[in-house]
Amino acid sequence: MMFILYYLLIGVIIMFLLDMHLLTYTKQIEFELKEKIEYDTFTRIFIIVVWPAALFIIIKNFPW
């Protein structure tokens, strides 16, 4: 049971960090992409549940 709680807690923390990043760089991201960016509730829940895949995608696309 604790494993599930830790898993969800890590997902919530990752989503919080992504939201803070989006909040900080919204204008710059929207200027580069030329479209409005925001997360809906489904996206937030999806990332919280499948955060290992989301983390893999973020790391894979990170500009090293």
N, C-alpha and C. Protein backbone atom coordinates (compact mmCIF):
# COMPACT_ATOMS: atom_id res chain seq x y z
N MET A 1 0.82 -1.20 0.00
CA MET A 1 0.00 0.00 0.00
C MET A 1 0.87 1.27 0.00
N MET A 2 1.94 1.24 0.77
CA MET A 2 2.81 2.42 0.82
C MET A 2 3.48 2.67 -0.54
N PHE A 3 3.73 1.60 -1.30
CA PHE A 3 4.33 1.75 -2.61
C PHE A 3 3.44 2.60 -3.51
N ILE A 4 2.15 2.36 -3.47
CA ILE A 4 1.21 3.12 -4.29
C ILE A 4 1.20 4.59 -3.86
N LEU A 5 1.23 4.83 -2.57
CA LEU A 5 1.24 6.22 -2.09
C LEU A 5 2.52 6.94 -2.51
N TYR A 6 3.67 6.26 -2.40
CA TYR A 6 4.93 6.86 -2.84
C TYR A 6 4.92 7.13 -4.34
N TYR A 7 4.40 6.18 -5.09
CA TYR A 7 4.30 6.31 -6.55
C TYR A 7 3.48 7.55 -6.91
N LEU A 8 2.31 7.71 -6.28
CA LEU A 8 1.46 8.87 -6.56
C LEU A 8 2.09 10.16 -6.05
N LEU A 9 2.77 10.11 -4.91
CA LEU A 9 3.43 11.30 -4.38
C LEU A 9 4.52 11.79 -5.33
N ILE A 10 5.30 10.88 -5.87
CA ILE A 10 6.32 11.27 -6.85
C ILE A 10 5.66 11.89 -8.07
N GLY A 11 4.55 11.32 -8.53
CA GLY A 11 3.82 11.88 -9.67
C GLY A 11 3.31 13.28 -9.39
N VAL A 12 2.79 13.50 -8.19
CA VAL A 12 2.28 14.83 -7.82
C VAL A 12 3.43 15.83 -7.77
N ILE A 13 4.57 15.42 -7.24
CA ILE A 13 5.73 16.32 -7.17
C ILE A 13 6.21 16.67 -8.58
N ILE A 14 6.28 15.68 -9.46
CA ILE A 14 6.71 15.95 -10.84
C ILE A 14 5.73 16.90 -11.53
N MET A 15 4.43 16.67 -11.33
CA MET A 15 3.44 17.55 -11.96
C MET A 15 3.53 18.96 -11.40
N PHE A 16 3.78 19.08 -10.10
CA PHE A 16 3.96 20.39 -9.49
C PHE A 16 5.15 21.12 -10.12
N LEU A 17 6.26 20.41 -10.29
CA LEU A 17 7.43 21.03 -10.90
C LEU A 17 7.17 21.43 -12.35
N LEU A 18 6.44 20.61 -13.10
CA LEU A 18 6.10 20.97 -14.47
C LEU A 18 5.19 22.19 -14.51
N ASP A 19 4.24 22.26 -13.58
CA ASP A 19 3.36 23.44 -13.52
C ASP A 19 4.14 24.71 -13.18
N MET A 20 5.09 24.60 -12.26
CA MET A 20 5.90 25.77 -11.90
C MET A 20 6.78 26.19 -13.08
N HIS A 21 7.30 25.23 -13.82
CA HIS A 21 8.09 25.55 -15.01
C HIS A 21 7.23 26.26 -16.04
N LEU A 22 6.03 25.73 -16.26
CA LEU A 22 5.11 26.35 -17.22
C LEU A 22 4.73 27.76 -16.78
N LEU A 23 4.47 27.93 -15.50
CA LEU A 23 4.10 29.24 -14.98
C LEU A 23 5.24 30.25 -15.17
N THR A 24 6.47 29.79 -14.96
CA THR A 24 7.62 30.68 -15.07
C THR A 24 7.93 31.06 -16.51
N TYR A 25 7.84 30.11 -17.44
CA TYR A 25 8.27 30.35 -18.81
C TYR A 25 7.13 30.37 -19.82
N THR A 26 5.92 30.65 -19.38
CA THR A 26 4.76 30.63 -20.28
C THR A 26 4.94 31.57 -21.47
N LYS A 27 5.31 32.80 -21.20
CA LYS A 27 5.42 33.79 -22.29
C LYS A 27 6.50 33.39 -23.30
N GLN A 28 7.62 32.90 -22.82
CA GLN A 28 8.70 32.50 -23.72
C GLN A 28 8.30 31.29 -24.56
N ILE A 29 7.66 30.30 -23.93
CA ILE A 29 7.23 29.10 -24.65
C ILE A 29 6.16 29.45 -25.68
N GLU A 30 5.19 30.27 -25.29
CA GLU A 30 4.13 30.66 -26.22
C GLU A 30 4.69 31.48 -27.38
N PHE A 31 5.70 32.31 -27.12
CA PHE A 31 6.32 33.09 -28.19
C PHE A 31 7.01 32.17 -29.20
N GLU A 32 7.73 31.16 -28.68
CA GLU A 32 8.45 30.24 -29.58
C GLU A 32 7.50 29.33 -30.35
N LEU A 33 6.45 28.83 -29.69
CA LEU A 33 5.53 27.90 -30.34
C LEU A 33 4.39 28.60 -31.07
N LYS A 34 4.18 29.87 -30.74
CA LYS A 34 3.11 30.67 -31.34
C LYS A 34 1.72 30.08 -31.10
N GLU A 35 1.52 29.48 -29.93
CA GLU A 35 0.20 29.00 -29.52
C GLU A 35 0.12 28.99 -28.00
N LYS A 36 -1.11 29.07 -27.51
CA LYS A 36 -1.33 29.13 -26.07
C LYS A 36 -1.10 27.74 -25.46
N ILE A 37 -0.44 27.71 -24.29
CA ILE A 37 -0.11 26.45 -23.64
C ILE A 37 -0.76 26.42 -22.26
N GLU A 38 -1.43 25.32 -21.96
CA GLU A 38 -1.96 25.08 -20.62
C GLU A 38 -2.29 23.60 -20.48
N TYR A 39 -2.27 23.13 -19.24
CA TYR A 39 -2.61 21.75 -18.95
C TYR A 39 -4.07 21.67 -18.53
N ASP A 40 -4.77 20.64 -18.99
CA ASP A 40 -6.12 20.41 -18.48
C ASP A 40 -6.05 19.35 -17.38
N THR A 41 -7.17 19.09 -16.74
CA THR A 41 -7.21 18.16 -15.62
C THR A 41 -6.83 16.75 -16.05
N PHE A 42 -7.27 16.31 -17.22
CA PHE A 42 -6.93 14.98 -17.69
C PHE A 42 -5.42 14.82 -17.84
N THR A 43 -4.76 15.83 -18.40
CA THR A 43 -3.31 15.77 -18.58
C THR A 43 -2.59 15.68 -17.25
N ARG A 44 -3.04 16.46 -16.28
CA ARG A 44 -2.42 16.41 -14.95
C ARG A 44 -2.56 15.03 -14.32
N ILE A 45 -3.76 14.47 -14.35
CA ILE A 45 -3.98 13.14 -13.77
C ILE A 45 -3.18 12.09 -14.53
N PHE A 46 -3.15 12.20 -15.85
CA PHE A 46 -2.41 11.24 -16.67
C PHE A 46 -0.92 11.25 -16.32
N ILE A 47 -0.33 12.43 -16.17
CA ILE A 47 1.09 12.52 -15.83
C ILE A 47 1.35 12.02 -14.42
N ILE A 48 0.44 12.27 -13.50
CA ILE A 48 0.61 11.77 -12.13
C ILE A 48 0.61 10.25 -12.12
N VAL A 49 -0.22 9.63 -12.95
CA VAL A 49 -0.33 8.17 -12.96
C VAL A 49 0.80 7.51 -13.75
N VAL A 50 1.16 8.05 -14.88
CA VAL A 50 2.19 7.42 -15.73
C VAL A 50 3.46 8.27 -15.77
N TRP A 51 3.89 8.75 -14.62
CA TRP A 51 5.06 9.61 -14.57
C TRP A 51 6.35 8.96 -15.04
N PRO A 52 6.56 7.64 -14.91
CA PRO A 52 7.83 7.12 -15.44
C PRO A 52 7.95 7.34 -16.96
N ALA A 53 6.87 7.16 -17.68
CA ALA A 53 6.90 7.40 -19.13
C ALA A 53 7.08 8.89 -19.41
N ALA A 54 6.39 9.74 -18.67
CA ALA A 54 6.53 11.18 -18.86
C ALA A 54 7.95 11.63 -18.54
N LEU A 55 8.53 11.08 -17.49
CA LEU A 55 9.90 11.42 -17.13
C LEU A 55 10.88 10.97 -18.21
N PHE A 56 10.66 9.80 -18.77
CA PHE A 56 11.50 9.30 -19.86
C PHE A 56 11.42 10.23 -21.07
N ILE A 57 10.23 10.68 -21.43
CA ILE A 57 10.07 11.59 -22.57
C ILE A 57 10.75 12.92 -22.31
N ILE A 58 10.63 13.44 -21.10
CA ILE A 58 11.27 14.71 -20.76
C ILE A 58 12.78 14.58 -20.84
N ILE A 59 13.33 13.52 -20.27
CA ILE A 59 14.77 13.32 -20.30
C ILE A 59 15.27 13.09 -21.72
N LYS A 60 14.51 12.32 -22.49
CA LYS A 60 14.91 12.04 -23.88
C LYS A 60 14.95 13.31 -24.72
N ASN A 61 14.02 14.24 -24.49
CA ASN A 61 13.95 15.46 -25.28
C ASN A 61 14.72 16.63 -24.67
N PHE A 62 15.38 16.40 -23.55
CA PHE A 62 16.15 17.45 -22.91
C PHE A 62 17.36 17.78 -23.77
N PRO A 63 17.60 19.06 -24.04
CA PRO A 63 18.73 19.43 -24.92
C PRO A 63 20.06 19.32 -24.19
N TRP A 64 20.73 18.23 -24.29
CA TRP A 64 22.02 18.02 -23.63
C TRP A 64 23.05 18.80 -24.32
